Amino acid sequence: MGLKFRSVLYALATYTTYTTYSYVMAQRAIDDRERVFNNYGDDKRFDVLEIHGRYENPFKEYRPQTLYEFFVMRLIELSEFGARGGVPKETSQRVEELRWVQPSVEYMKNVRDICLEHGMVAYTWLGQSCGLFQSGGKVFLMDPLFEDSIVNKTFGPKRVVPCPLKIEQVVEEIKPDYILVSHDHPDHLGDDSTSKLSTIQGRCKWIVPNGIGEFLSKHGVEPSSIIEMKWWERVCIDDEFEIVCLPAMHWSGRMLLDANKTLWCSFMILRNGKSLFYHGGDTGYASGVFNKIGELYGPVKFAALPIGQYCPEWHQKPRHISPAESVKIMKEMKIHKMVGVHWGTFVLSSEHYLEPGNLLLQEAAKNERKNNIIVPSQGRTIMMKEDKIDFNADDEIEKEDKFSVVYR
């Protein structure tokens, strides 16, 4: 047996042993927390879990993705080459099918004033989980990703349709006040996006889960502009707004060997103590945790929940939710209105690229909430009254055009 072969064999054995050990230790911690909760009522079931310097999921539904599974999925992707996602070759057809629009920068800047003057909130989806949320004269940018491709500029994956706004327009014209990052995966946090956003003049703050500050600093963000948080922590960012860092069932890492060195999360934005916007980031469905968030922070005015990247289910279910599961979370958290994001941007899984949106439309019809369970268009702004929360009836559309829809 050659030295190289033995070295590879020993490395795989060490990796397998460590991965198995971490999983067993995580399951023990989950059982211990559940036992304490059932016997004493002390609920620490969904607190941050760390094992030997890496974060682990404290959810019994979670199954970690190993290197073996990672490479199996890459082989499956190769077998689907050219047909995966069913994406048409013509960009014009993709634009039409996704109802993509390109807003003017002037309009986007006016939305800030409209929200402030008329007591409204607005959300503009920019692809994947990237979006602009506006309220009270403040602009929040979520999971900044404006690149045309991720992982590799030549081979992709590449965007299905262009980003509705260019990063230069956001940096120089829109100038977000706060940037929220749910985790450091390349489809949620772009290298070039981060570097260019770091040049925003003024008091733009980055609010991120623990560990991501190092990445931001390497891309030019001033350490004084970074707020790192762990699950359940709550921070005041000005006189009106607060941010709560909340659990999600996912994982982190930008390379194969840095998995779970940083934390992942979801976020709640509160204004004057009321839950205004929930940014789901990326998550699988875990029983109990969304009920708990709803008990602590519901009702919630508005949410952007991921609905794509769920096929094949055996691989994706521990990390991503389906459209049906997003509606389940909506109900458990007492969310008034939601949009489905994290689809129609890159082909990262096996479902047809339009399927998540079509399935969410079916969920909206089934629940008689066609205006409260929304399939958004990239680039189109959704606006609504900030103080209206009514779970007994679907909202009505007040006016709409190509670039926006306003709900009563």
Protein backbone atom coordinates (compact mmCIF):
# COMPACT_ATOMS: atom_id res chain seq x y z
CA MET A 1 0.00 0.00 0.00
CA GLY A 2 1.59 3.28 -1.13
CA LEU A 3 2.22 6.22 1.18
CA LYS A 4 -0.19 8.53 -0.67
CA PHE A 5 -2.97 5.97 -0.55
CA ARG A 6 -2.43 5.37 3.17
CA SER A 7 -2.40 9.13 3.83
CA VAL A 8 -5.73 9.53 2.07
CA LEU A 9 -7.15 6.53 3.92
CA TYR A 10 -6.02 7.89 7.31
CA ALA A 11 -7.43 11.33 6.49
CA LEU A 12 -10.82 9.84 5.56
CA ALA A 13 -10.83 7.69 8.69
CA THR A 14 -10.04 10.71 10.87
CA TYR A 15 -12.74 12.78 9.16
CA THR A 16 -15.33 10.01 9.49
CA THR A 17 -14.51 9.50 13.17
CA TYR A 18 -14.74 13.23 13.94
CA THR A 19 -17.98 13.65 11.99
CA THR A 20 -19.58 10.68 13.74
CA TYR A 21 -18.38 11.91 17.14
CA SER A 22 -19.78 15.42 16.54
CA TYR A 23 -23.14 14.02 15.47
CA VAL A 24 -23.38 11.72 18.50
CA MET A 25 -22.44 14.56 20.87
CA ALA A 26 -25.03 16.85 19.26
CA GLN A 27 -27.74 14.21 19.69
CA ARG A 28 -26.78 13.79 23.35
CA ALA A 29 -27.03 17.55 23.88
CA ILE A 30 -30.45 17.61 22.18
CA ASP A 31 -31.70 14.78 24.42
CA ASP A 32 -30.32 16.47 27.57
CA ARG A 33 -31.98 19.78 26.71
CA GLU A 34 -35.28 18.05 25.96
CA ARG A 35 -35.10 16.19 29.29
CA VAL A 36 -34.46 19.39 31.24
CA PHE A 37 -37.28 21.15 29.40
CA ASN A 38 -39.78 18.35 30.11
CA ASN A 39 -38.77 17.92 33.77
CA TYR A 40 -38.06 21.47 34.87
CA GLY A 41 -39.54 23.75 32.19
CA ASP A 42 -36.18 25.41 31.52
CA ASP A 43 -36.30 25.86 27.75
CA LYS A 44 -32.80 25.86 26.31
CA ARG A 45 -33.68 23.43 23.54
CA PHE A 46 -32.86 25.87 20.77
CA ASP A 47 -29.89 27.72 22.23
CA VAL A 48 -26.64 27.87 20.27
CA LEU A 49 -24.78 24.54 20.35
CA GLU A 50 -21.00 24.38 19.99
CA ILE A 51 -18.87 21.23 19.92
CA HIS A 52 -15.08 21.59 19.82
CA GLY A 53 -15.14 25.07 18.32
CA ARG A 54 -17.76 24.41 15.63
CA TYR A 55 -21.45 25.14 15.65
CA GLU A 56 -23.95 22.29 15.46
CA ASN A 57 -27.71 22.19 14.94
CA PRO A 58 -29.70 21.59 18.15
CA PHE A 59 -32.61 20.09 16.22
CA LYS A 60 -33.50 16.40 16.16
CA GLU A 61 -34.58 16.68 12.51
CA TYR A 62 -31.12 17.74 11.36
CA ARG A 63 -28.74 15.38 9.59
CA PRO A 64 -25.33 16.80 8.70
CA GLN A 65 -24.11 16.74 5.12
CA THR A 66 -20.82 14.84 4.99
CA LEU A 67 -18.12 15.13 2.35
CA TYR A 68 -19.32 11.80 1.00
CA GLU A 69 -22.83 13.14 0.44
CA PHE A 70 -21.39 16.34 -1.03
CA PHE A 71 -19.47 14.46 -3.71
CA VAL A 72 -22.41 12.11 -4.43
CA MET A 73 -24.54 15.19 -5.12
CA ARG A 74 -21.90 16.61 -7.48
CA LEU A 75 -22.01 13.33 -9.45
CA ILE A 76 -25.81 13.53 -9.60
CA GLU A 77 -25.53 17.10 -10.89
CA LEU A 78 -23.17 15.96 -13.64
CA SER A 79 -25.69 13.32 -14.69
CA GLU A 80 -28.32 16.09 -15.01
CA PHE A 81 -26.01 18.37 -17.00
CA GLY A 82 -27.91 20.57 -19.44
CA ALA A 83 -31.35 19.55 -18.19
CA ARG A 84 -31.22 20.49 -14.50
CA GLY A 85 -33.90 23.00 -13.52
CA GLY A 86 -35.52 23.09 -16.95
CA VAL A 87 -34.25 26.63 -17.55
CA PRO A 88 -34.96 27.96 -21.08
CA LYS A 89 -31.96 28.96 -23.17
CA GLU A 90 -33.38 32.37 -24.08
CA THR A 91 -33.04 35.03 -21.37
CA SER A 92 -36.15 36.79 -22.68
CA GLN A 93 -38.24 33.71 -21.92
CA ARG A 94 -36.83 33.50 -18.39
CA VAL A 95 -37.60 37.19 -17.82
CA GLU A 96 -41.17 36.66 -18.99
CA GLU A 97 -41.77 33.48 -16.97
CA LEU A 98 -40.35 34.99 -13.76
CA ARG A 99 -42.09 38.34 -14.41
CA TRP A 100 -38.75 40.07 -13.80
CA VAL A 101 -38.71 43.88 -13.76
CA GLN A 102 -35.95 46.46 -13.56
CA PRO A 103 -36.95 49.36 -11.31
CA SER A 104 -35.54 52.84 -11.66
CA VAL A 105 -33.20 54.01 -8.93
CA GLU A 106 -35.24 57.18 -8.50
CA TYR A 107 -38.33 55.12 -7.77
CA MET A 108 -36.46 53.01 -5.21
CA LYS A 109 -35.20 56.17 -3.51
CA ASN A 110 -38.75 57.58 -3.40
CA VAL A 111 -40.01 54.45 -1.64
CA ARG A 112 -38.05 55.48 1.46
CA ASP A 113 -39.97 58.78 1.66
CA ILE A 114 -43.31 57.15 0.87
CA CYS A 115 -42.91 54.68 3.73
CA LEU A 116 -41.95 57.45 6.13
CA GLU A 117 -44.77 59.82 5.16
CA HIS A 118 -47.60 57.29 4.88
CA GLY A 119 -46.77 54.75 7.60
CA MET A 120 -45.95 51.95 5.20
CA VAL A 121 -43.37 49.21 4.80
CA ALA A 122 -41.90 48.02 1.51
CA TYR A 123 -39.96 45.01 0.30
CA THR A 124 -38.17 44.56 -3.02
CA TRP A 125 -36.82 41.11 -3.87
CA LEU A 126 -33.50 41.16 -5.73
CA GLY A 127 -33.04 37.41 -6.20
CA GLN A 128 -32.15 34.47 -3.91
CA SER A 129 -32.57 35.80 -0.33
CA CYS A 130 -31.32 39.28 -1.19
CA GLY A 131 -33.85 42.05 -0.73
CA LEU A 132 -34.45 45.63 0.40
CA PHE A 133 -36.84 46.23 3.31
CA GLN A 134 -37.88 49.81 4.03
CA SER A 135 -39.65 51.32 7.03
CA GLY A 136 -39.62 54.61 8.90
CA GLY A 137 -37.14 56.20 6.51
CA LYS A 138 -34.64 53.37 7.03
CA VAL A 139 -33.41 50.86 4.44
CA PHE A 140 -32.37 47.33 5.39
CA LEU A 141 -30.45 45.21 2.87
CA MET A 142 -30.69 41.44 3.38
CA ASP A 143 -28.11 38.82 2.36
CA PRO A 144 -26.25 41.01 -0.16
CA LEU A 145 -25.58 39.19 -3.42
CA PHE A 146 -25.36 41.15 -6.66
CA GLU A 147 -22.90 38.92 -8.55
CA ASP A 148 -23.90 37.30 -11.84
CA SER A 149 -22.46 33.97 -10.70
CA ILE A 150 -21.43 32.18 -7.53
CA VAL A 151 -18.60 29.77 -6.71
CA ASN A 152 -16.88 30.24 -10.10
CA LYS A 153 -17.24 33.18 -12.52
CA THR A 154 -16.63 30.99 -15.57
CA PHE A 155 -18.56 27.83 -14.76
CA GLY A 156 -21.16 29.22 -12.37
CA PRO A 157 -23.76 28.57 -11.18
CA LYS A 158 -24.94 31.66 -13.04
CA ARG A 159 -28.02 33.80 -12.49
CA VAL A 160 -31.15 32.79 -14.33
CA VAL A 161 -32.00 36.48 -14.83
CA PRO A 162 -29.89 39.56 -14.01
CA CYS A 163 -30.05 41.20 -10.61
CA PRO A 164 -32.70 43.97 -10.90
CA LEU A 165 -30.33 46.53 -9.34
CA LYS A 166 -26.61 46.94 -9.81
CA ILE A 167 -24.42 46.99 -6.72
CA GLU A 168 -23.15 50.46 -7.73
CA GLN A 169 -26.72 51.80 -7.65
CA VAL A 170 -27.24 50.43 -4.16
CA VAL A 171 -23.91 51.79 -2.88
CA GLU A 172 -24.08 55.24 -4.49
CA GLU A 173 -27.81 56.00 -4.62
CA ILE A 174 -29.91 53.86 -2.28
CA LYS A 175 -27.32 53.65 0.52
CA PRO A 176 -28.82 51.14 2.99
CA ASP A 177 -28.66 52.03 6.66
CA TYR A 178 -28.31 48.42 7.81
CA ILE A 179 -27.11 45.21 6.16
CA LEU A 180 -28.26 41.88 7.62
CA VAL A 181 -26.49 38.63 6.74
CA SER A 182 -28.06 35.29 7.70
CA HIS A 183 -24.95 33.17 6.98
CA ASP A 184 -21.80 33.10 4.89
CA HIS A 185 -22.72 30.76 2.03
CA PRO A 186 -21.68 32.26 -1.34
CA ASP A 187 -25.31 32.46 -2.53
CA HIS A 188 -26.14 34.73 0.42
CA LEU A 189 -22.99 36.83 0.80
CA GLY A 190 -20.97 37.85 -2.24
CA ASP A 191 -17.27 38.70 -2.13
CA ASP A 192 -17.52 41.57 -4.61
CA SER A 193 -20.82 42.75 -3.09
CA THR A 194 -19.24 42.93 0.36
CA SER A 195 -16.17 44.82 -0.87
CA LYS A 196 -18.25 47.43 -2.70
CA LEU A 197 -20.80 47.82 0.09
CA SER A 198 -17.94 48.45 2.52
CA THR A 199 -17.37 51.79 0.73
CA ILE A 200 -20.77 53.23 1.66
CA GLN A 201 -20.23 56.59 3.29
CA GLY A 202 -22.04 57.26 6.55
CA ARG A 203 -23.18 55.00 9.36
CA CYS A 204 -24.12 51.77 7.57
CA LYS A 205 -24.08 48.93 10.10
CA TRP A 206 -23.59 45.23 9.35
CA ILE A 207 -25.55 42.85 11.58
CA VAL A 208 -24.34 39.28 11.27
CA PRO A 209 -24.21 35.97 13.16
CA ASN A 210 -21.12 35.22 15.22
CA GLY A 211 -17.88 34.68 13.29
CA ILE A 212 -18.72 36.50 10.05
CA GLY A 213 -17.04 39.70 11.20
CA GLU A 214 -13.66 38.30 10.14
CA PHE A 215 -14.86 37.82 6.55
CA LEU A 216 -16.30 41.34 6.47
CA SER A 217 -13.10 42.89 7.84
CA LYS A 218 -11.04 41.14 5.15
CA HIS A 219 -13.32 42.74 2.55
CA GLY A 220 -12.90 46.27 3.85
CA VAL A 221 -15.74 46.68 6.35
CA GLU A 222 -14.72 48.73 9.39
CA PRO A 223 -14.84 46.61 12.58
CA SER A 224 -16.74 49.42 14.30
CA SER A 225 -19.55 48.95 11.74
CA ILE A 226 -20.01 45.24 12.53
CA ILE A 227 -22.44 43.83 15.11
CA GLU A 228 -22.03 40.08 15.66
CA MET A 229 -24.85 38.21 17.40
CA LYS A 230 -25.84 34.78 18.68
CA TRP A 231 -29.31 33.26 18.72
CA TRP A 232 -31.86 35.00 20.97
CA GLU A 233 -29.69 38.08 21.44
CA ARG A 234 -31.46 41.40 20.94
CA VAL A 235 -29.80 44.72 20.10
CA CYS A 236 -31.11 48.29 19.74
CA ILE A 237 -29.76 49.85 16.56
CA ASP A 238 -31.42 53.27 17.00
CA ASP A 239 -34.25 54.92 18.92
CA GLU A 240 -36.96 52.98 17.06
CA PHE A 241 -35.50 49.77 15.67
CA GLU A 242 -34.20 46.59 17.29
CA ILE A 243 -32.79 43.41 15.77
CA VAL A 244 -33.22 39.93 17.24
CA CYS A 245 -30.93 37.12 16.09
CA LEU A 246 -32.98 33.90 15.92
CA PRO A 247 -32.34 30.19 15.23
CA ALA A 248 -32.41 28.48 11.85
CA MET A 249 -31.74 24.87 10.88
CA HIS A 250 -28.92 25.18 8.38
CA TRP A 251 -25.13 25.27 8.28
CA SER A 252 -22.32 27.62 7.27
CA GLY A 253 -19.02 27.76 5.39
CA ARG A 254 -17.61 28.98 2.10
CA MET A 255 -15.14 26.14 1.51
CA LEU A 256 -15.22 22.40 2.20
CA LEU A 257 -13.02 22.62 5.29
CA ASP A 258 -14.56 25.63 7.09
CA ALA A 259 -18.02 24.13 7.66
CA ASN A 260 -19.79 25.51 10.75
CA LYS A 261 -16.92 27.68 11.94
CA THR A 262 -19.36 30.60 11.79
CA LEU A 263 -22.94 30.74 13.01
CA TRP A 264 -26.07 30.94 10.83
CA CYS A 265 -29.38 32.53 11.82
CA SER A 266 -32.62 34.24 10.93
CA PHE A 267 -33.47 37.82 11.97
CA MET A 268 -36.45 39.73 13.34
CA ILE A 269 -36.67 43.49 12.89
CA LEU A 270 -38.73 45.24 15.56
CA ARG A 271 -39.94 48.82 15.49
CA ASN A 272 -41.12 50.38 18.75
CA GLY A 273 -41.22 46.90 20.29
CA LYS A 274 -43.43 45.32 17.60
CA SER A 275 -42.27 42.61 15.20
CA LEU A 276 -42.16 44.21 11.78
CA PHE A 277 -40.12 41.95 9.48
CA TYR A 278 -38.73 38.42 9.68
CA HIS A 279 -35.82 37.48 7.43
CA GLY A 280 -35.77 33.69 7.23
CA GLY A 281 -32.41 33.43 5.44
CA ASP A 282 -32.06 29.69 4.87
CA THR A 283 -33.54 26.93 7.02
CA GLY A 284 -35.00 23.47 7.16
CA TYR A 285 -38.16 22.80 9.15
CA ALA A 286 -37.61 21.95 12.83
CA SER A 287 -40.53 21.24 15.14
CA GLY A 288 -40.97 23.55 18.11
CA VAL A 289 -38.57 26.34 17.25
CA PHE A 290 -40.90 28.39 15.05
CA ASN A 291 -43.71 28.00 17.57
CA LYS A 292 -41.35 29.38 20.21
CA ILE A 293 -40.38 32.34 18.01
CA GLY A 294 -44.07 33.01 17.43
CA GLU A 295 -44.82 32.87 21.15
CA LEU A 296 -42.03 35.33 21.93
CA TYR A 297 -42.32 37.69 18.96
CA GLY A 298 -45.64 37.09 17.20
CA PRO A 299 -47.66 38.48 15.61
CA VAL A 300 -45.27 39.45 12.81
CA LYS A 301 -46.24 41.96 10.14
CA PHE A 302 -44.22 40.65 7.20
CA ALA A 303 -41.68 37.95 6.33
CA ALA A 304 -39.43 36.77 3.53
CA LEU A 305 -39.25 32.98 3.76
CA PRO A 306 -37.16 30.66 1.57
CA ILE A 307 -39.17 28.26 -0.60
CA GLY A 308 -36.64 26.72 -3.02
CA GLN A 309 -33.78 24.21 -3.18
CA TYR A 310 -35.71 21.27 -1.68
CA CYS A 311 -34.99 18.48 -4.23
CA PRO A 312 -33.96 15.76 -3.87
CA GLU A 313 -35.73 15.66 -0.54
CA TRP A 314 -33.44 13.05 1.05
CA HIS A 315 -30.55 15.48 0.65
CA GLN A 316 -32.14 18.91 1.02
CA LYS A 317 -34.83 18.48 3.69
CA PRO A 318 -32.50 19.00 6.71
CA ARG A 319 -31.36 22.34 5.26
CA HIS A 320 -34.17 23.87 3.18
CA ILE A 321 -37.95 24.20 3.41
CA SER A 322 -40.54 23.58 0.72
CA PRO A 323 -43.34 26.04 -0.14
CA ALA A 324 -45.76 24.03 2.03
CA GLU A 325 -43.36 24.17 4.97
CA SER A 326 -42.95 27.93 4.55
CA VAL A 327 -46.71 28.34 5.00
CA LYS A 328 -46.55 26.08 8.06
CA ILE A 329 -43.88 28.35 9.54
CA MET A 330 -45.99 31.38 8.65
CA LYS A 331 -48.85 29.99 10.72
CA GLU A 332 -46.67 28.92 13.65
CA MET A 333 -45.01 32.33 13.87
CA LYS A 334 -48.28 34.24 13.37
CA ILE A 335 -47.02 36.07 10.28
CA HIS A 336 -49.57 38.36 8.62
CA LYS A 337 -48.03 38.47 5.14
CA MET A 338 -45.11 36.62 3.55
CA VAL A 339 -43.20 36.43 0.29
CA GLY A 340 -41.41 33.31 -0.93
CA VAL A 341 -37.75 33.88 -1.83
CA HIS A 342 -34.63 31.75 -2.45
CA TRP A 343 -35.76 30.40 -5.83
CA GLY A 344 -35.71 31.45 -9.49
CA THR A 345 -32.19 32.87 -9.19
CA PHE A 346 -29.66 30.04 -9.49
CA VAL A 347 -30.13 26.35 -10.30
CA LEU A 348 -28.84 24.73 -7.11
CA SER A 349 -31.16 21.73 -6.81
CA SER A 350 -33.22 19.33 -8.90
CA GLU A 351 -36.70 20.88 -8.95
CA HIS A 352 -37.87 22.84 -12.02
CA TYR A 353 -36.85 26.47 -11.62
CA LEU A 354 -40.47 27.67 -11.64
CA GLU A 355 -41.84 24.94 -9.37
CA PRO A 356 -41.36 26.69 -6.00
CA GLY A 357 -43.35 29.70 -7.14
CA ASN A 358 -46.09 27.56 -8.67
CA LEU A 359 -46.40 25.46 -5.52
CA LEU A 360 -46.61 28.58 -3.36
CA LEU A 361 -49.42 29.86 -5.57
CA GLN A 362 -51.26 26.61 -4.87
CA GLU A 363 -50.70 27.07 -1.13
CA ALA A 364 -52.07 30.61 -1.33
CA ALA A 365 -55.21 29.39 -3.10
CA LYS A 366 -55.67 26.47 -0.70
CA ASN A 367 -55.40 28.78 2.32
CA GLU A 368 -57.49 31.53 0.67
CA ARG A 369 -54.63 33.99 1.13
CA LYS A 370 -53.66 34.95 -2.42
CA ASN A 371 -52.65 38.45 -1.28
CA ASN A 372 -51.01 37.42 1.99
CA ILE A 373 -49.01 34.48 0.64
CA ILE A 374 -47.13 36.10 -2.21
CA VAL A 375 -45.02 34.85 -5.09
CA PRO A 376 -42.87 37.93 -5.73
CA SER A 377 -41.28 39.17 -8.93
CA GLN A 378 -37.63 40.12 -8.81
CA GLY A 379 -37.39 43.91 -8.87
CA ARG A 380 -41.06 44.61 -8.07
CA THR A 381 -41.77 46.46 -4.80
CA ILE A 382 -44.44 45.23 -2.39
CA MET A 383 -45.93 47.90 -0.11
CA MET A 384 -48.45 47.73 2.74
CA LYS A 385 -49.67 49.58 5.83
CA GLU A 386 -47.27 49.03 8.69
CA ASP A 387 -49.81 48.81 11.52
CA LYS A 388 -52.37 46.46 9.91
CA ILE A 389 -52.36 42.84 11.09
CA ASP A 390 -55.47 40.77 10.41
CA PHE A 391 -55.33 36.97 10.29
CA ASN A 392 -59.05 36.56 9.63
CA ALA A 393 -59.10 37.98 6.12
CA ASP A 394 -56.90 38.26 3.07
CA ASP A 395 -55.65 41.73 2.16
CA GLU A 396 -56.96 43.61 -0.85
CA ILE A 397 -54.87 45.30 -3.51
CA GLU A 398 -55.21 49.07 -3.49
CA LYS A 399 -53.23 49.72 -6.67
CA GLU A 400 -50.57 48.06 -8.77
CA ASP A 401 -48.44 48.56 -11.83
CA LYS A 402 -45.42 46.90 -13.40
CA PHE A 403 -43.05 48.15 -10.69
CA SER A 404 -45.11 47.88 -7.50
CA VAL A 405 -48.17 46.53 -5.75
CA VAL A 406 -49.77 48.32 -2.80
CA TYR A 407 -52.04 46.48 -0.35
CA ARG A 408 -54.79 48.12 1.70
